[in-house]
């Protein structure tokens, strides 16, 4: 295994001591229903939410955000309200967003500070 691959895998680790084998097994389990998985991010303080898609088959981190027209964007869309912009800021504060999404099973959700993350498919 190359050093680059090891570095990428360790970036997905849940703990500093998680083995490469466990990381790979989690990724394989996440991909059983396809390479692309949709998630829902909901604001805990308002009714704002946004769907995202992660392509776990890509070698680089790949989070795409659905806009109001159901088009996928590489950048988190802006919101028209103050609550929406606070929601956007709370999502951007999650440095480990990809790591949290990686551990979710289908229909499982987790509270991550001011937002809730749920795996849809």
N, C-alpha and C. Protein backbone atom coordinates (compact mmCIF):
# COMPACT_ATOMS: atom_id res chain seq x y z
N UNK A 1 0.86 -1.16 0.00
CA UNK A 1 0.00 0.00 0.00
C UNK A 1 0.91 1.23 0.00
N UNK A 2 0.61 2.19 -0.89
CA UNK A 2 1.44 3.39 -1.00
C UNK A 2 1.21 4.30 0.21
N UNK A 3 2.16 5.18 0.44
CA UNK A 3 2.03 6.15 1.54
C UNK A 3 0.84 7.08 1.31
N UNK A 4 0.57 7.42 0.04
CA UNK A 4 -0.57 8.28 -0.28
C UNK A 4 -1.88 7.59 0.09
N UNK A 5 -1.99 6.30 -0.22
CA UNK A 5 -3.19 5.55 0.13
C UNK A 5 -3.35 5.46 1.63
N UNK A 6 -2.27 5.20 2.34
CA UNK A 6 -2.33 5.13 3.81
C UNK A 6 -2.79 6.48 4.39
N UNK A 7 -2.27 7.56 3.83
CA UNK A 7 -2.64 8.89 4.31
C UNK A 7 -4.13 9.14 4.11
N UNK A 8 -4.65 8.79 2.94
CA UNK A 8 -6.07 8.97 2.66
C UNK A 8 -6.93 8.12 3.57
N UNK A 9 -6.52 6.88 3.80
CA UNK A 9 -7.28 6.00 4.69
C UNK A 9 -7.28 6.52 6.12
N UNK A 10 -6.14 6.97 6.61
CA UNK A 10 -6.07 7.48 7.98
C UNK A 10 -6.94 8.73 8.14
N UNK A 11 -7.15 9.47 7.04
CA UNK A 11 -8.04 10.63 7.08
C UNK A 11 -9.49 10.24 7.30
N UNK A 12 -9.84 8.98 7.06
CA UNK A 12 -11.20 8.48 7.25
C UNK A 12 -11.36 7.71 8.57
N UNK A 13 -10.29 7.61 9.34
CA UNK A 13 -10.33 6.85 10.58
C UNK A 13 -11.23 7.52 11.61
N UNK A 14 -11.93 6.70 12.38
CA UNK A 14 -12.78 7.23 13.44
C UNK A 14 -11.97 7.55 14.70
N UNK A 15 -10.90 6.81 14.90
CA UNK A 15 -9.98 7.06 16.01
C UNK A 15 -8.56 6.99 15.47
N UNK A 16 -7.63 7.49 16.25
CA UNK A 16 -6.22 7.48 15.82
C UNK A 16 -5.68 6.06 15.72
N UNK A 17 -6.28 5.12 16.43
CA UNK A 17 -5.77 3.75 16.45
C UNK A 17 -6.55 2.79 15.57
N UNK A 18 -7.56 3.29 14.83
CA UNK A 18 -8.34 2.40 13.97
C UNK A 18 -7.43 1.82 12.88
N UNK A 19 -7.53 0.52 12.68
CA UNK A 19 -6.67 -0.15 11.70
C UNK A 19 -7.12 0.12 10.28
N UNK A 20 -6.19 -0.06 9.33
CA UNK A 20 -6.53 0.09 7.91
C UNK A 20 -7.62 -0.91 7.53
N UNK A 21 -7.54 -2.11 8.09
CA UNK A 21 -8.54 -3.13 7.79
C UNK A 21 -9.95 -2.66 8.17
N UNK A 22 -10.10 -2.08 9.37
CA UNK A 22 -11.41 -1.60 9.81
C UNK A 22 -11.91 -0.47 8.93
N UNK A 23 -11.01 0.44 8.56
CA UNK A 23 -11.40 1.56 7.70
C UNK A 23 -11.90 1.03 6.36
N UNK A 24 -11.16 0.09 5.77
CA UNK A 24 -11.55 -0.48 4.48
C UNK A 24 -12.87 -1.22 4.57
N UNK A 25 -13.09 -1.95 5.65
CA UNK A 25 -14.36 -2.67 5.82
C UNK A 25 -15.54 -1.71 5.92
N UNK A 26 -15.37 -0.60 6.65
CA UNK A 26 -16.44 0.39 6.74
C UNK A 26 -16.75 0.98 5.37
N UNK A 27 -15.71 1.28 4.60
CA UNK A 27 -15.93 1.85 3.27
C UNK A 27 -16.61 0.85 2.35
N UNK A 28 -16.21 -0.40 2.42
CA UNK A 28 -16.86 -1.43 1.59
C UNK A 28 -18.32 -1.60 1.98
N UNK A 29 -18.60 -1.60 3.26
CA UNK A 29 -19.99 -1.72 3.72
C UNK A 29 -20.82 -0.53 3.26
N UNK A 30 -20.24 0.67 3.29
CA UNK A 30 -20.95 1.86 2.85
C UNK A 30 -21.27 1.79 1.37
N UNK A 31 -20.46 1.08 0.62
CA UNK A 31 -20.63 1.03 -0.83
C UNK A 31 -21.50 -0.14 -1.29
N UNK A 32 -22.02 -0.94 -0.39
CA UNK A 32 -22.82 -2.09 -0.81
C UNK A 32 -24.04 -1.69 -1.63
N UNK A 33 -24.61 -0.55 -1.35
CA UNK A 33 -25.80 -0.11 -2.08
C UNK A 33 -25.44 0.82 -3.23
N UNK A 34 -24.23 0.81 -3.69
CA UNK A 34 -23.80 1.66 -4.79
C UNK A 34 -22.71 2.61 -4.36
N UNK A 35 -22.02 3.15 -5.33
CA UNK A 35 -20.92 4.04 -5.04
C UNK A 35 -21.38 5.42 -4.60
N UNK A 36 -22.49 5.87 -5.11
CA UNK A 36 -22.99 7.19 -4.75
C UNK A 36 -24.10 7.06 -3.72
N UNK A 37 -23.96 7.78 -2.62
CA UNK A 37 -24.92 7.70 -1.53
C UNK A 37 -25.41 9.10 -1.21
N UNK A 38 -26.73 9.24 -1.04
CA UNK A 38 -27.33 10.52 -0.68
C UNK A 38 -27.49 10.62 0.83
N UNK A 39 -27.34 11.85 1.31
CA UNK A 39 -27.49 12.16 2.73
C UNK A 39 -28.34 13.42 2.85
N UNK A 40 -28.93 13.61 4.02
CA UNK A 40 -29.69 14.81 4.32
C UNK A 40 -29.05 15.49 5.52
N UNK A 41 -28.77 16.78 5.38
CA UNK A 41 -28.25 17.58 6.49
C UNK A 41 -29.35 18.52 6.90
N UNK A 42 -29.76 18.44 8.17
CA UNK A 42 -30.86 19.26 8.68
C UNK A 42 -30.35 20.16 9.79
N UNK A 43 -30.88 21.36 9.84
CA UNK A 43 -30.55 22.32 10.89
C UNK A 43 -31.34 21.97 12.14
N UNK A 44 -30.70 21.90 13.28
CA UNK A 44 -31.38 21.59 14.53
C UNK A 44 -32.16 22.77 15.10
N UNK A 45 -31.92 23.99 14.55
CA UNK A 45 -32.54 25.19 15.09
C UNK A 45 -33.57 25.81 14.16
N UNK A 46 -33.76 25.25 12.99
CA UNK A 46 -34.76 25.75 12.04
C UNK A 46 -35.19 24.59 11.15
N UNK A 47 -36.00 24.87 10.15
CA UNK A 47 -36.42 23.80 9.25
C UNK A 47 -35.61 23.79 7.95
N UNK A 48 -34.40 24.38 7.97
CA UNK A 48 -33.52 24.34 6.81
C UNK A 48 -32.89 22.96 6.69
N UNK A 49 -32.75 22.50 5.45
CA UNK A 49 -32.09 21.23 5.19
C UNK A 49 -31.54 21.25 3.78
N UNK A 50 -30.59 20.36 3.54
CA UNK A 50 -30.01 20.24 2.21
C UNK A 50 -29.59 18.79 1.99
N UNK A 51 -29.83 18.30 0.77
CA UNK A 51 -29.38 16.96 0.40
C UNK A 51 -27.99 17.05 -0.20
N UNK A 52 -27.19 16.04 0.11
CA UNK A 52 -25.85 15.96 -0.45
C UNK A 52 -25.63 14.56 -1.02
N UNK A 53 -24.68 14.45 -1.93
CA UNK A 53 -24.32 13.17 -2.53
C UNK A 53 -22.82 12.99 -2.36
N UNK A 54 -22.41 11.79 -1.94
CA UNK A 54 -20.99 11.45 -1.82
C UNK A 54 -20.72 10.27 -2.74
N UNK A 55 -19.70 10.40 -3.57
CA UNK A 55 -19.27 9.31 -4.44
C UNK A 55 -18.08 8.64 -3.76
N UNK A 56 -18.35 7.53 -3.09
CA UNK A 56 -17.32 6.83 -2.33
C UNK A 56 -16.35 6.09 -3.24
N UNK A 57 -16.65 5.99 -4.51
CA UNK A 57 -15.77 5.31 -5.45
C UNK A 57 -14.62 6.18 -5.93
N UNK A 58 -14.68 7.47 -5.68
CA UNK A 58 -13.61 8.37 -6.10
C UNK A 58 -12.48 8.36 -5.09
N UNK A 59 -11.29 8.60 -5.58
CA UNK A 59 -10.11 8.58 -4.70
C UNK A 59 -9.99 9.85 -3.87
N UNK A 60 -10.63 10.93 -4.29
CA UNK A 60 -10.58 12.20 -3.56
C UNK A 60 -11.92 12.40 -2.84
N UNK A 61 -11.91 13.24 -1.80
CA UNK A 61 -13.16 13.57 -1.12
C UNK A 61 -14.09 14.23 -2.12
N UNK A 62 -15.33 13.79 -2.18
CA UNK A 62 -16.24 14.27 -3.19
C UNK A 62 -17.64 14.44 -2.62
N UNK A 63 -17.91 15.62 -2.10
CA UNK A 63 -19.24 15.93 -1.60
C UNK A 63 -19.88 16.91 -2.58
N UNK A 64 -21.06 16.55 -3.08
CA UNK A 64 -21.81 17.42 -3.97
C UNK A 64 -23.11 17.82 -3.27
N UNK A 65 -23.51 19.07 -3.45
CA UNK A 65 -24.69 19.61 -2.79
C UNK A 65 -25.80 19.83 -3.82
N UNK A 66 -27.01 19.39 -3.49
CA UNK A 66 -28.16 19.64 -4.36
C UNK A 66 -28.65 21.08 -4.13
N UNK A 67 -28.89 21.80 -5.23
CA UNK A 67 -29.49 23.13 -5.09
C UNK A 67 -31.01 23.01 -5.18
N UNK A 68 -31.72 24.13 -5.20
CA UNK A 68 -33.19 24.13 -5.23
C UNK A 68 -33.76 23.49 -6.48
N UNK A 69 -32.97 23.44 -7.55
CA UNK A 69 -33.42 22.83 -8.80
C UNK A 69 -32.99 21.37 -8.93
N UNK A 70 -32.48 20.79 -7.85
CA UNK A 70 -32.00 19.41 -7.79
C UNK A 70 -30.76 19.19 -8.67
N UNK A 71 -30.03 20.28 -8.96
CA UNK A 71 -28.76 20.16 -9.66
C UNK A 71 -27.65 20.01 -8.62
N UNK A 72 -26.62 19.25 -8.97
CA UNK A 72 -25.51 19.03 -8.04
C UNK A 72 -24.45 20.10 -8.22
N UNK A 73 -23.96 20.64 -7.09
CA UNK A 73 -22.95 21.69 -7.08
C UNK A 73 -21.80 21.27 -6.17
N UNK A 74 -20.59 21.71 -6.51
CA UNK A 74 -19.43 21.42 -5.68
C UNK A 74 -19.35 22.32 -4.45
N UNK A 75 -20.05 23.44 -4.51
CA UNK A 75 -20.01 24.41 -3.41
C UNK A 75 -21.38 24.45 -2.75
N UNK A 76 -21.38 24.53 -1.44
CA UNK A 76 -22.62 24.62 -0.67
C UNK A 76 -23.37 25.88 -1.08
N UNK A 77 -24.61 25.75 -1.57
CA UNK A 77 -25.37 26.92 -2.03
C UNK A 77 -25.64 27.91 -0.89
N UNK A 78 -25.81 29.16 -1.28
CA UNK A 78 -26.16 30.19 -0.30
C UNK A 78 -27.65 30.12 -0.02
N UNK A 79 -28.04 30.57 1.17
CA UNK A 79 -29.44 30.59 1.58
C UNK A 79 -29.93 32.02 1.62
N UNK A 80 -31.22 32.22 1.44
CA UNK A 80 -31.80 33.56 1.37
C UNK A 80 -32.12 34.16 2.74
N UNK A 81 -32.14 33.36 3.78
CA UNK A 81 -32.50 33.87 5.11
C UNK A 81 -31.30 33.86 6.04
N UNK A 82 -31.42 34.62 7.12
CA UNK A 82 -30.36 34.67 8.13
C UNK A 82 -30.19 33.29 8.77
N UNK A 83 -31.31 32.59 9.05
CA UNK A 83 -31.24 31.25 9.63
C UNK A 83 -30.55 30.29 8.67
N UNK A 84 -30.82 30.46 7.38
CA UNK A 84 -30.19 29.61 6.37
C UNK A 84 -28.69 29.83 6.30
N UNK A 85 -28.28 31.07 6.41
CA UNK A 85 -26.84 31.36 6.36
C UNK A 85 -26.14 30.85 7.62
N UNK A 86 -26.83 30.89 8.78
CA UNK A 86 -26.28 30.31 10.00
C UNK A 86 -26.13 28.81 9.82
N UNK A 87 -27.13 28.18 9.22
CA UNK A 87 -27.09 26.75 8.91
C UNK A 87 -25.89 26.44 8.01
N UNK A 88 -25.69 27.23 6.98
CA UNK A 88 -24.56 27.06 6.06
C UNK A 88 -23.23 27.16 6.81
N UNK A 89 -23.11 28.14 7.70
CA UNK A 89 -21.90 28.31 8.50
C UNK A 89 -21.66 27.09 9.38
N UNK A 90 -22.73 26.54 9.97
CA UNK A 90 -22.60 25.37 10.83
C UNK A 90 -22.13 24.15 10.04
N UNK A 91 -22.58 24.01 8.80
CA UNK A 91 -22.11 22.91 7.96
C UNK A 91 -20.63 23.11 7.64
N UNK A 92 -20.25 24.32 7.28
CA UNK A 92 -18.86 24.59 6.93
C UNK A 92 -17.91 24.42 8.12
N UNK A 93 -18.41 24.52 9.34
CA UNK A 93 -17.59 24.32 10.54
C UNK A 93 -17.23 22.85 10.76
N UNK A 94 -17.96 21.94 10.12
CA UNK A 94 -17.72 20.50 10.31
C UNK A 94 -16.51 20.06 9.49
N UNK A 95 -15.33 20.13 10.09
CA UNK A 95 -14.11 19.73 9.40
C UNK A 95 -14.11 18.24 9.08
N UNK A 96 -14.84 17.46 9.85
CA UNK A 96 -14.86 16.00 9.69
C UNK A 96 -16.15 15.50 9.07
N UNK A 97 -16.80 16.32 8.26
CA UNK A 97 -18.09 15.94 7.67
C UNK A 97 -17.99 14.62 6.91
N UNK A 98 -17.00 14.46 6.07
CA UNK A 98 -16.86 13.24 5.28
C UNK A 98 -16.66 12.02 6.17
N UNK A 99 -15.94 12.20 7.27
CA UNK A 99 -15.71 11.08 8.20
C UNK A 99 -17.00 10.67 8.90
N UNK A 100 -17.82 11.63 9.27
CA UNK A 100 -19.09 11.32 9.93
C UNK A 100 -20.02 10.61 8.95
N UNK A 101 -20.09 11.10 7.73
CA UNK A 101 -20.96 10.48 6.73
C UNK A 101 -20.54 9.04 6.44
N UNK A 102 -19.24 8.78 6.50
CA UNK A 102 -18.71 7.45 6.18
C UNK A 102 -19.21 6.37 7.14
N UNK A 103 -19.54 6.74 8.36
CA UNK A 103 -19.92 5.71 9.34
C UNK A 103 -21.42 5.43 9.39
N UNK A 104 -22.21 6.25 8.72
CA UNK A 104 -23.66 6.09 8.81
C UNK A 104 -24.16 4.91 7.97
N UNK A 105 -25.05 4.14 8.55
CA UNK A 105 -25.75 3.06 7.85
C UNK A 105 -27.00 3.65 7.20
N UNK A 106 -27.63 2.91 6.31
CA UNK A 106 -28.84 3.38 5.65
C UNK A 106 -29.92 3.72 6.67
N UNK A 107 -30.53 4.89 6.53
CA UNK A 107 -31.57 5.44 7.41
C UNK A 107 -31.07 5.79 8.81
N UNK A 108 -29.79 5.74 9.04
CA UNK A 108 -29.24 6.13 10.34
C UNK A 108 -28.95 7.62 10.34
N UNK A 109 -29.12 8.25 11.48
CA UNK A 109 -28.81 9.68 11.60
C UNK A 109 -27.98 9.93 12.85
N UNK A 110 -27.26 11.04 12.83
CA UNK A 110 -26.41 11.40 13.95
C UNK A 110 -26.45 12.91 14.13
N UNK A 111 -26.46 13.33 15.39
CA UNK A 111 -26.42 14.75 15.71
C UNK A 111 -24.96 15.18 15.72
N UNK A 112 -24.65 16.21 14.93
CA UNK A 112 -23.28 16.73 14.84
C UNK A 112 -23.29 18.21 15.18
N UNK A 113 -23.44 18.51 16.45
CA UNK A 113 -23.49 19.91 16.87
C UNK A 113 -24.82 20.54 16.55
N UNK A 114 -24.82 21.54 15.68
CA UNK A 114 -26.03 22.27 15.33
C UNK A 114 -26.80 21.64 14.17
N UNK A 115 -26.28 20.55 13.61
CA UNK A 115 -26.94 19.91 12.48
C UNK A 115 -27.10 18.41 12.74
N UNK A 116 -28.05 17.81 12.02
CA UNK A 116 -28.26 16.37 12.04
C UNK A 116 -27.96 15.83 10.66
N UNK A 117 -27.18 14.75 10.60
CA UNK A 117 -26.81 14.12 9.34
C UNK A 117 -27.52 12.79 9.25
N UNK A 118 -28.14 12.51 8.10
CA UNK A 118 -28.87 11.25 7.91
C UNK A 118 -28.50 10.65 6.55
N UNK A 119 -28.22 9.36 6.57
CA UNK A 119 -27.97 8.64 5.32
C UNK A 119 -29.31 8.24 4.73
N UNK A 120 -29.55 8.59 3.48
CA UNK A 120 -30.82 8.29 2.82
C UNK A 120 -30.77 6.98 2.04
N UNK A 121 -29.77 6.81 1.20
CA UNK A 121 -29.69 5.60 0.38
C UNK A 121 -28.29 5.03 0.39
